[in-house]
Amino acid sequence: MITSENLLKFLKTGLENLHLLNPKCQQILVKEISIVNDDNLCCVFYPKSSKSNDIKLEIGSIMGFFNGFFRENLYENISFSHYLVRAFNSNNDEILYALSTKSTAELIGTGKAIEWYKLTLFQENTDDFRLTQAKQIISELENCLREFVKLKLYNKYGEDWWNLSLNNKLGNDVKETYKNQFGEEINDGSILVQYTFTLQLKKIISTHFNLFKSYFSKLEDFNTQMDLLNKIRREEAHNRTITTETLEKLKELHEKLISKALVELTNFQSVFLNENWKLKVKKIMSESEYKPKYNNSEIQNENNLLAKLIKIRENIDNLIVFLDEKVVKLKSIVVPIQKKDTQKDIVFYFEKLKNLQQNLLKETETLNTERISEINSEIQKHQVEMDIFSRNFLINEG
């Protein structure tokens, strides 16, 4: 019988020589292959490219190799629920992480690579990914603040809000910028505000802070945050490297500067918040599967009826705890307004399954076999509905 240790060595050798069998595949520089949490097969490697999409192609080759190797379940006592691939750069910093269920990885072997891509959980930390995220966050921050300025000053001053509230050097400078670009002078604030820069937005909001103070902490804090945003904006505008630390600061600025404004700006779509929400939900839904304390054979082979009942109850109790943790994590996520209904559906499916398991646990005390059978049927039906919903969610939000 082949041991796990020998199997991992064989897998490593196979991956390192995959390019010899498939000319379309580049040589894969494998650092190590290991088993994580009993049933997750993990490959750590050094990708040839530093670009996110190229690394994902390499990861697809590794997942495809794993799928081909374990598709027929030929290895006794060795089975995996997930495949995990981690890409590191030459400094040994993790730059990309991918997690697929075994069934998701099987899509690669059936020519459904796009579906595999949508259903796989990716977490990225490449230079190009961080720069792209920074550009997206900065663009959202500036555009949201522009929309908010337009809303608040229009409500206060009416149609001619630009001239009435910004009849100063700043207002005239923006008009001049527009005139130099398009050859005409306008007074429409809804257009002019689109040509404001970060520090100009800071000045406008600071000048009229009484209209905005309930949306920010303090004027001093707001000014400091806008100065930091402007500093990072200069780095991003010149396509300089955005560090992980800088990206985290930008995410904090996104939260501090526009989280309250977004509640009022219901028509403003935050792509960053949507993507962040999707990533967190996908991670919660994909990161782990419930592992019963006792497997089916251990319960079925238990001759002592009391001991069997205790094992069944322990399994149900552990599952309830597992589901409760999922619900708690889901409820802790910041949800974009446009995704609140979807979020409610996700929580509903997990809470209903938890409630059904609680009902089943209660009936194991009465040993009402008819009622236990009914609840088990309800659970099976709900799990089918839940699997369909989960799959559709992962595909639609991929």
Protein backbone atom coordinates (compact mmCIF):
# COMPACT_ATOMS: atom_id res chain seq x y z
CA MET A 1 0.00 0.00 0.00
CA ILE A 2 1.37 3.39 -0.99
CA THR A 3 2.05 5.78 1.90
CA SER A 4 1.11 9.46 1.98
CA GLU A 5 4.80 10.38 2.15
CA ASN A 6 5.65 8.39 -0.99
CA LEU A 7 2.59 9.75 -2.79
CA LEU A 8 3.59 13.36 -2.08
CA LYS A 9 7.13 12.71 -3.40
CA PHE A 10 5.64 11.13 -6.53
CA LEU A 11 3.31 14.11 -7.06
CA LYS A 12 6.17 16.57 -6.69
CA THR A 13 8.28 14.72 -9.24
CA GLY A 14 5.32 14.44 -11.61
CA LEU A 15 4.58 18.18 -11.45
CA GLU A 16 8.23 19.13 -11.92
CA ASN A 17 8.38 17.02 -15.08
CA LEU A 18 4.92 17.79 -16.44
CA HIS A 19 6.40 20.06 -19.15
CA LEU A 20 8.23 17.05 -20.63
CA LEU A 21 4.89 15.31 -21.28
CA ASN A 22 2.95 18.43 -22.24
CA PRO A 23 4.93 20.95 -24.36
CA LYS A 24 2.19 23.58 -23.78
CA CYS A 25 2.95 23.53 -20.07
CA GLN A 26 5.89 25.49 -18.64
CA GLN A 27 8.20 23.86 -16.13
CA ILE A 28 6.66 24.18 -12.67
CA LEU A 29 9.06 25.11 -9.86
CA VAL A 30 7.58 23.23 -6.93
CA LYS A 31 8.69 24.19 -3.45
CA GLU A 32 6.71 21.52 -1.60
CA ILE A 33 3.56 19.43 -1.62
CA SER A 34 1.84 18.63 1.64
CA ILE A 35 -1.43 17.55 3.22
CA VAL A 36 -3.21 20.25 5.24
CA ASN A 37 -6.05 19.59 7.72
CA ASP A 38 -6.16 15.88 6.85
CA ASP A 39 -7.94 16.19 3.49
CA ASN A 40 -6.54 19.28 1.70
CA LEU A 41 -3.77 18.67 -0.83
CA CYS A 42 -1.50 21.73 -0.91
CA CYS A 43 1.12 22.71 -3.50
CA VAL A 44 3.52 25.61 -2.91
CA PHE A 45 5.37 26.78 -6.02
CA TYR A 46 7.33 29.63 -7.58
CA PRO A 47 5.54 30.94 -10.69
CA LYS A 48 7.44 31.96 -13.82
CA SER A 49 5.47 35.20 -14.14
CA SER A 50 4.62 37.96 -11.66
CA LYS A 51 1.33 38.79 -13.43
CA SER A 52 -1.89 37.58 -11.81
CA ASN A 53 -3.49 36.07 -14.92
CA ASP A 54 -0.32 34.20 -15.90
CA ILE A 55 0.02 32.78 -12.39
CA LYS A 56 -3.60 31.61 -12.51
CA LEU A 57 -2.83 29.71 -15.73
CA GLU A 58 0.02 27.93 -13.93
CA ILE A 59 -2.31 27.18 -11.03
CA GLY A 60 -4.83 25.74 -13.50
CA SER A 61 -2.13 23.35 -14.76
CA ILE A 62 -1.39 22.20 -11.20
CA MET A 63 -5.09 21.74 -10.36
CA GLY A 64 -5.56 19.85 -13.63
CA PHE A 65 -2.65 17.56 -12.76
CA PHE A 66 -4.15 16.85 -9.33
CA ASN A 67 -7.53 16.16 -10.90
CA GLY A 68 -6.08 13.69 -13.41
CA PHE A 69 -4.12 11.93 -10.68
CA PHE A 70 -7.00 11.48 -8.22
CA ARG A 71 -10.00 11.39 -10.55
CA GLU A 72 -10.54 7.64 -10.23
CA ASN A 73 -9.96 7.46 -6.43
CA LEU A 74 -7.47 4.62 -6.86
CA TYR A 75 -5.54 5.14 -3.64
CA GLU A 76 -6.84 3.34 -0.58
CA ASN A 77 -7.35 5.53 2.50
CA ILE A 78 -6.17 8.61 0.59
CA SER A 79 -8.80 11.11 -0.54
CA PHE A 80 -8.95 14.89 -0.68
CA SER A 81 -11.87 17.32 -0.44
CA HIS A 82 -9.92 20.41 -1.58
CA TYR A 83 -6.88 21.33 -3.64
CA LEU A 84 -4.90 24.33 -2.38
CA VAL A 85 -2.21 26.04 -4.47
CA ARG A 86 -0.02 28.84 -3.10
CA ALA A 87 2.30 30.95 -5.28
CA PHE A 88 5.37 32.64 -3.75
CA ASN A 89 7.80 35.12 -5.25
CA SER A 90 11.61 34.96 -5.03
CA ASN A 91 11.48 36.76 -1.65
CA ASN A 92 9.22 33.96 -0.34
CA ASP A 93 6.25 36.34 -0.06
CA GLU A 94 2.91 34.73 -0.85
CA ILE A 95 1.47 36.50 -3.89
CA LEU A 96 -1.48 34.32 -4.86
CA TYR A 97 -3.62 31.68 -3.17
CA ALA A 98 -6.20 29.41 -4.83
CA LEU A 99 -8.61 26.98 -3.21
CA SER A 100 -10.82 24.56 -5.18
CA THR A 101 -13.01 21.72 -4.07
CA LYS A 102 -12.15 18.39 -5.69
CA SER A 103 -15.37 18.50 -7.70
CA THR A 104 -14.57 22.04 -8.91
CA ALA A 105 -11.11 20.97 -10.07
CA GLU A 106 -12.73 18.16 -12.06
CA LEU A 107 -14.23 20.84 -14.34
CA ILE A 108 -10.74 21.44 -15.78
CA GLY A 109 -10.65 17.89 -17.09
CA THR A 110 -14.02 18.28 -18.82
CA GLY A 111 -13.10 21.40 -20.76
CA LYS A 112 -14.92 23.76 -18.38
CA ALA A 113 -11.96 25.88 -17.29
CA ILE A 114 -14.06 29.07 -17.11
CA GLU A 115 -16.48 27.43 -14.65
CA TRP A 116 -13.48 26.23 -12.61
CA TYR A 117 -12.13 29.78 -12.55
CA LYS A 118 -15.47 31.20 -11.35
CA LEU A 119 -15.91 28.61 -8.60
CA THR A 120 -12.34 28.80 -7.29
CA LEU A 121 -11.46 31.09 -4.41
CA PHE A 122 -8.52 33.33 -5.28
CA GLN A 123 -6.71 35.69 -2.93
CA GLU A 124 -4.12 37.88 -4.61
CA ASN A 125 -1.11 39.92 -3.57
CA THR A 126 0.81 40.49 -6.81
CA ASP A 127 2.22 43.93 -7.72
CA ASP A 128 -0.19 44.37 -10.63
CA PHE A 129 -3.15 43.25 -8.52
CA ARG A 130 -2.32 45.73 -5.72
CA LEU A 131 -1.86 48.56 -8.24
CA THR A 132 -5.19 47.71 -9.93
CA GLN A 133 -6.94 47.60 -6.56
CA ALA A 134 -5.38 50.92 -5.56
CA LYS A 135 -6.59 52.57 -8.79
CA GLN A 136 -10.08 51.19 -8.24
CA ILE A 137 -10.29 52.32 -4.60
CA ILE A 138 -8.91 55.82 -5.32
CA SER A 139 -11.28 56.26 -8.27
CA GLU A 140 -14.23 55.23 -6.10
CA LEU A 141 -13.19 57.51 -3.25
CA GLU A 142 -12.86 60.56 -5.49
CA ASN A 143 -16.02 59.87 -7.51
CA CYS A 144 -18.08 59.16 -4.41
CA LEU A 145 -16.88 62.37 -2.72
CA ARG A 146 -17.71 64.31 -5.91
CA GLU A 147 -21.23 62.89 -5.95
CA PHE A 148 -21.62 63.68 -2.28
CA VAL A 149 -20.42 67.27 -2.73
CA LYS A 150 -22.88 67.69 -5.60
CA LEU A 151 -25.76 66.26 -3.54
CA LYS A 152 -25.15 68.31 -0.39
CA LEU A 153 -24.39 71.63 -2.06
CA TYR A 154 -27.26 71.27 -4.53
CA ASN A 155 -29.66 70.60 -1.65
CA LYS A 156 -28.34 73.70 0.15
CA TYR A 157 -27.97 76.20 -2.73
CA GLY A 158 -30.06 74.86 -5.61
CA GLU A 159 -29.28 74.74 -9.35
CA ASP A 160 -26.58 77.42 -9.25
CA TRP A 161 -24.79 75.76 -6.33
CA TRP A 162 -21.31 75.99 -7.88
CA ASN A 163 -21.33 79.78 -8.23
CA LEU A 164 -23.11 80.38 -4.93
CA SER A 165 -20.96 78.08 -2.77
CA LEU A 166 -17.64 78.23 -4.64
CA ASN A 167 -17.42 81.85 -5.77
CA ASN A 168 -13.71 81.87 -4.98
CA LYS A 169 -10.31 81.01 -6.45
CA LEU A 170 -10.93 77.27 -6.22
CA GLY A 171 -14.23 77.48 -8.10
CA ASN A 172 -12.67 79.68 -10.77
CA ASP A 173 -9.62 77.41 -11.11
CA VAL A 174 -11.85 74.43 -11.89
CA LYS A 175 -13.79 76.52 -14.43
CA GLU A 176 -10.50 77.51 -16.04
CA THR A 177 -9.38 73.86 -16.19
CA TYR A 178 -12.59 72.94 -18.01
CA LYS A 179 -12.30 75.96 -20.37
CA ASN A 180 -8.70 75.10 -21.28
CA GLN A 181 -9.73 71.53 -22.10
CA PHE A 182 -12.95 72.18 -24.01
CA GLY A 183 -12.71 75.83 -25.10
CA GLU A 184 -15.88 77.02 -23.37
CA GLU A 185 -16.88 78.31 -19.96
CA ILE A 186 -19.71 76.63 -18.05
CA ASN A 187 -21.41 77.06 -14.67
CA ASP A 188 -22.97 73.59 -14.34
CA GLY A 189 -21.69 72.24 -11.01
CA SER A 190 -22.64 68.65 -11.83
CA ILE A 191 -20.09 68.78 -14.68
CA LEU A 192 -17.45 71.00 -13.08
CA VAL A 193 -17.21 68.85 -9.95
CA GLN A 194 -15.96 65.97 -12.14
CA TYR A 195 -12.82 68.03 -12.84
CA THR A 196 -11.84 68.52 -9.22
CA PHE A 197 -8.72 66.93 -7.73
CA THR A 198 -8.27 65.28 -4.33
CA LEU A 199 -7.04 68.40 -2.52
CA GLN A 200 -9.75 70.52 -4.13
CA LEU A 201 -12.38 68.11 -2.82
CA LYS A 202 -10.73 68.36 0.59
CA LYS A 203 -11.00 72.17 0.45
CA ILE A 204 -14.66 72.16 -0.66
CA ILE A 205 -15.77 69.77 2.08
CA SER A 206 -13.65 71.53 4.73
CA THR A 207 -15.15 74.89 3.79
CA HIS A 208 -18.69 73.54 4.11
CA PHE A 209 -17.96 71.04 6.86
CA ASN A 210 -21.21 71.77 8.71
CA LEU A 211 -23.03 70.06 5.83
CA PHE A 212 -20.74 67.01 6.03
CA LYS A 213 -19.71 66.67 9.68
CA SER A 214 -22.15 63.85 10.49
CA TYR A 215 -20.45 61.70 7.81
CA PHE A 216 -16.87 62.10 9.07
CA SER A 217 -15.25 61.95 12.52
CA LYS A 218 -13.60 65.36 12.96
CA LEU A 219 -12.42 68.06 10.57
CA GLU A 220 -8.79 67.47 11.60
CA ASP A 221 -9.11 63.72 10.97
CA PHE A 222 -10.81 64.32 7.62
CA ASN A 223 -8.02 66.66 6.48
CA THR A 224 -5.35 64.16 7.56
CA GLN A 225 -7.11 61.34 5.71
CA MET A 226 -7.44 63.39 2.52
CA ASP A 227 -3.74 64.35 2.68
CA LEU A 228 -2.85 60.66 2.96
CA LEU A 229 -5.17 59.85 0.05
CA ASN A 230 -3.46 62.52 -2.05
CA LYS A 231 -0.02 61.14 -1.19
CA ILE A 232 -1.00 57.61 -2.25
CA ARG A 233 -2.78 59.05 -5.30
CA ARG A 234 0.52 60.47 -6.57
CA GLU A 235 2.21 57.05 -6.24
CA GLU A 236 -0.65 55.30 -8.04
CA ALA A 237 -0.80 57.92 -10.82
CA HIS A 238 2.85 57.20 -11.69
CA ASN A 239 2.26 53.42 -11.57
CA ARG A 240 4.74 53.00 -8.75
CA THR A 241 4.65 49.84 -6.64
CA ILE A 242 1.82 49.81 -4.11
CA THR A 243 2.87 47.86 -1.03
CA THR A 244 0.55 45.63 0.96
CA GLU A 245 0.72 48.13 3.81
CA THR A 246 -0.26 51.02 1.50
CA LEU A 247 -3.17 49.01 0.08
CA GLU A 248 -4.42 48.32 3.62
CA LYS A 249 -4.26 52.05 4.37
CA LEU A 250 -6.33 52.72 1.24
CA LYS A 251 -8.94 50.20 2.36
CA GLU A 252 -9.14 51.97 5.72
CA LEU A 253 -9.57 55.31 3.94
CA HIS A 254 -12.38 53.81 1.85
CA GLU A 255 -14.16 52.85 5.05
CA LYS A 256 -13.53 56.13 6.92
CA LEU A 257 -14.23 58.54 4.07
CA ILE A 258 -17.25 57.12 2.24
CA SER A 259 -18.89 54.29 4.21
CA LYS A 260 -21.56 56.61 5.65
CA ALA A 261 -21.96 58.52 2.40
CA LEU A 262 -22.68 55.30 0.49
CA VAL A 263 -25.80 54.73 2.62
CA GLU A 264 -27.21 57.96 1.19
CA LEU A 265 -25.81 57.57 -2.33
CA THR A 266 -27.90 54.50 -3.17
CA ASN A 267 -27.25 54.86 -6.91
CA PHE A 268 -23.47 54.83 -6.46
CA GLN A 269 -22.09 51.32 -7.04
CA SER A 270 -18.95 50.53 -5.07
CA VAL A 271 -17.12 47.89 -7.10
CA PHE A 272 -14.50 47.56 -4.38
CA LEU A 273 -17.10 46.87 -1.65
CA ASN A 274 -18.91 44.42 -3.93
CA GLU A 275 -15.72 42.52 -4.73
CA ASN A 276 -14.62 42.52 -1.10
CA TRP A 277 -18.03 41.19 -0.03
CA LYS A 278 -17.96 38.45 -2.71
CA LEU A 279 -14.47 37.38 -1.73
CA LYS A 280 -15.37 37.08 1.95
CA VAL A 281 -18.61 35.19 1.28
CA LYS A 282 -16.88 32.82 -1.15
CA LYS A 283 -14.16 32.19 1.41
CA ILE A 284 -16.69 31.38 4.15
CA MET A 285 -18.65 29.09 1.82
CA SER A 286 -15.56 27.35 0.39
CA GLU A 287 -12.92 27.35 3.12
CA SER A 288 -13.96 24.19 4.95
CA GLU A 289 -16.40 21.30 4.93
CA TYR A 290 -17.98 19.78 7.99
CA LYS A 291 -16.14 16.72 9.27
CA PRO A 292 -18.23 14.53 11.57
CA LYS A 293 -16.60 13.28 14.74
CA TYR A 294 -17.68 9.74 13.86
CA ASN A 295 -17.97 8.47 10.27
CA ASN A 296 -20.87 6.32 9.03
CA SER A 297 -19.05 3.02 9.46
CA GLU A 298 -18.13 3.83 13.07
CA ILE A 299 -21.79 4.49 13.86
CA GLN A 300 -23.18 1.55 11.89
CA ASN A 301 -20.67 -0.87 13.44
CA GLU A 302 -21.47 0.24 16.98
CA ASN A 303 -23.40 -2.63 18.60
CA ASN A 304 -24.22 -0.81 21.82
CA LEU A 305 -27.42 1.14 21.05
CA LEU A 306 -26.79 3.75 23.75
CA ALA A 307 -23.25 4.35 22.54
CA LYS A 308 -24.54 4.60 18.96
CA LEU A 309 -27.11 7.21 19.98
CA ILE A 310 -24.45 9.21 21.83
CA LYS A 311 -22.24 9.23 18.72
CA ILE A 312 -25.15 10.35 16.54
CA ARG A 313 -25.98 13.16 18.96
CA GLU A 314 -22.35 14.29 19.14
CA ASN A 315 -22.18 14.46 15.34
CA ILE A 316 -25.36 16.55 15.17
CA ASP A 317 -24.20 18.81 17.98
CA ASN A 318 -20.84 19.40 16.27
CA LEU A 319 -22.60 20.21 13.00
CA ILE A 320 -24.81 22.78 14.75
CA VAL A 321 -21.69 24.48 16.16
CA PHE A 322 -20.08 24.41 12.71
CA LEU A 323 -23.14 26.00 11.06
CA ASP A 324 -23.48 28.56 13.83
CA GLU A 325 -19.88 29.69 13.24
CA LYS A 326 -20.64 30.09 9.53
CA VAL A 327 -23.69 32.24 10.32
CA VAL A 328 -21.71 34.42 12.74
CA LYS A 329 -18.98 34.98 10.12
CA LEU A 330 -21.54 35.79 7.41
CA LYS A 331 -23.31 38.32 9.63
CA SER A 332 -20.02 40.05 10.43
CA ILE A 333 -19.37 41.02 6.79
CA VAL A 334 -19.93 44.59 5.59
CA VAL A 335 -22.63 44.23 2.92
CA PRO A 336 -23.08 46.67 0.00
CA ILE A 337 -26.64 48.00 -0.22
CA GLN A 338 -27.15 46.35 -3.61
CA LYS A 339 -26.24 42.92 -2.15
CA LYS A 340 -28.37 42.96 1.01
CA ASP A 341 -31.09 40.68 -0.44
CA THR A 342 -28.51 38.14 -1.63
CA GLN A 343 -26.82 38.27 1.77
CA LYS A 344 -30.16 37.61 3.48
CA ASP A 345 -30.68 34.55 1.25
CA ILE A 346 -27.22 33.19 2.08
CA VAL A 347 -27.75 33.58 5.83
CA PHE A 348 -31.25 32.09 5.52
CA TYR A 349 -29.96 28.84 3.97
CA PHE A 350 -27.35 28.32 6.70
CA GLU A 351 -29.72 29.28 9.52
CA LYS A 352 -32.49 26.99 8.24
CA LEU A 353 -30.07 24.06 8.04
CA LYS A 354 -28.90 24.82 11.59
CA ASN A 355 -32.52 24.98 12.83
CA LEU A 356 -33.36 21.66 11.17
CA GLN A 357 -30.34 20.04 12.84
CA GLN A 358 -31.44 21.48 16.19
CA ASN A 359 -34.89 19.95 15.67
CA LEU A 360 -33.26 16.62 14.81
CA LEU A 361 -31.13 16.75 17.96
CA LYS A 362 -34.24 17.40 20.04
CA GLU A 363 -36.07 14.43 18.52
CA THR A 364 -33.17 12.06 19.31
CA GLU A 365 -34.19 12.53 22.95
CA THR A 366 -37.75 11.32 22.28
CA LEU A 367 -36.68 8.60 19.81
CA ASN A 368 -39.77 9.38 17.73
CA THR A 369 -38.65 7.50 14.61
CA GLU A 370 -41.44 8.86 12.42
CA ARG A 371 -40.60 12.47 13.29
CA ILE A 372 -36.84 11.82 12.93
CA SER A 373 -37.49 10.41 9.45
CA GLU A 374 -39.54 13.49 8.50
CA ILE A 375 -36.81 15.86 9.67
CA ASN A 376 -34.12 13.89 7.83
CA SER A 377 -36.20 14.18 4.64
CA GLU A 378 -36.52 17.95 5.20
CA ILE A 379 -32.75 18.19 5.71
CA GLN A 380 -32.00 16.28 2.52
CA LYS A 381 -34.39 18.47 0.52
CA HIS A 382 -32.93 21.64 1.99
CA GLN A 383 -29.36 20.53 1.32
CA VAL A 384 -30.20 19.96 -2.36
CA GLU A 385 -31.70 23.47 -2.55
CA MET A 386 -28.70 24.87 -0.67
CA ASP A 387 -26.21 23.19 -3.02
CA ILE A 388 -28.01 24.61 -6.07
CA PHE A 389 -28.08 28.10 -4.52
CA SER A 390 -24.39 27.92 -3.52
CA ARG A 391 -23.30 26.81 -6.97
CA ASN A 392 -25.37 29.50 -8.70
CA PHE A 393 -24.00 32.12 -6.30
CA LEU A 394 -20.40 31.12 -6.94
CA ILE A 395 -20.91 31.16 -10.71
CA ASN A 396 -22.95 34.37 -10.87
CA GLU A 397 -20.66 36.25 -8.51
CA GLY A 398 -17.47 34.76 -9.98
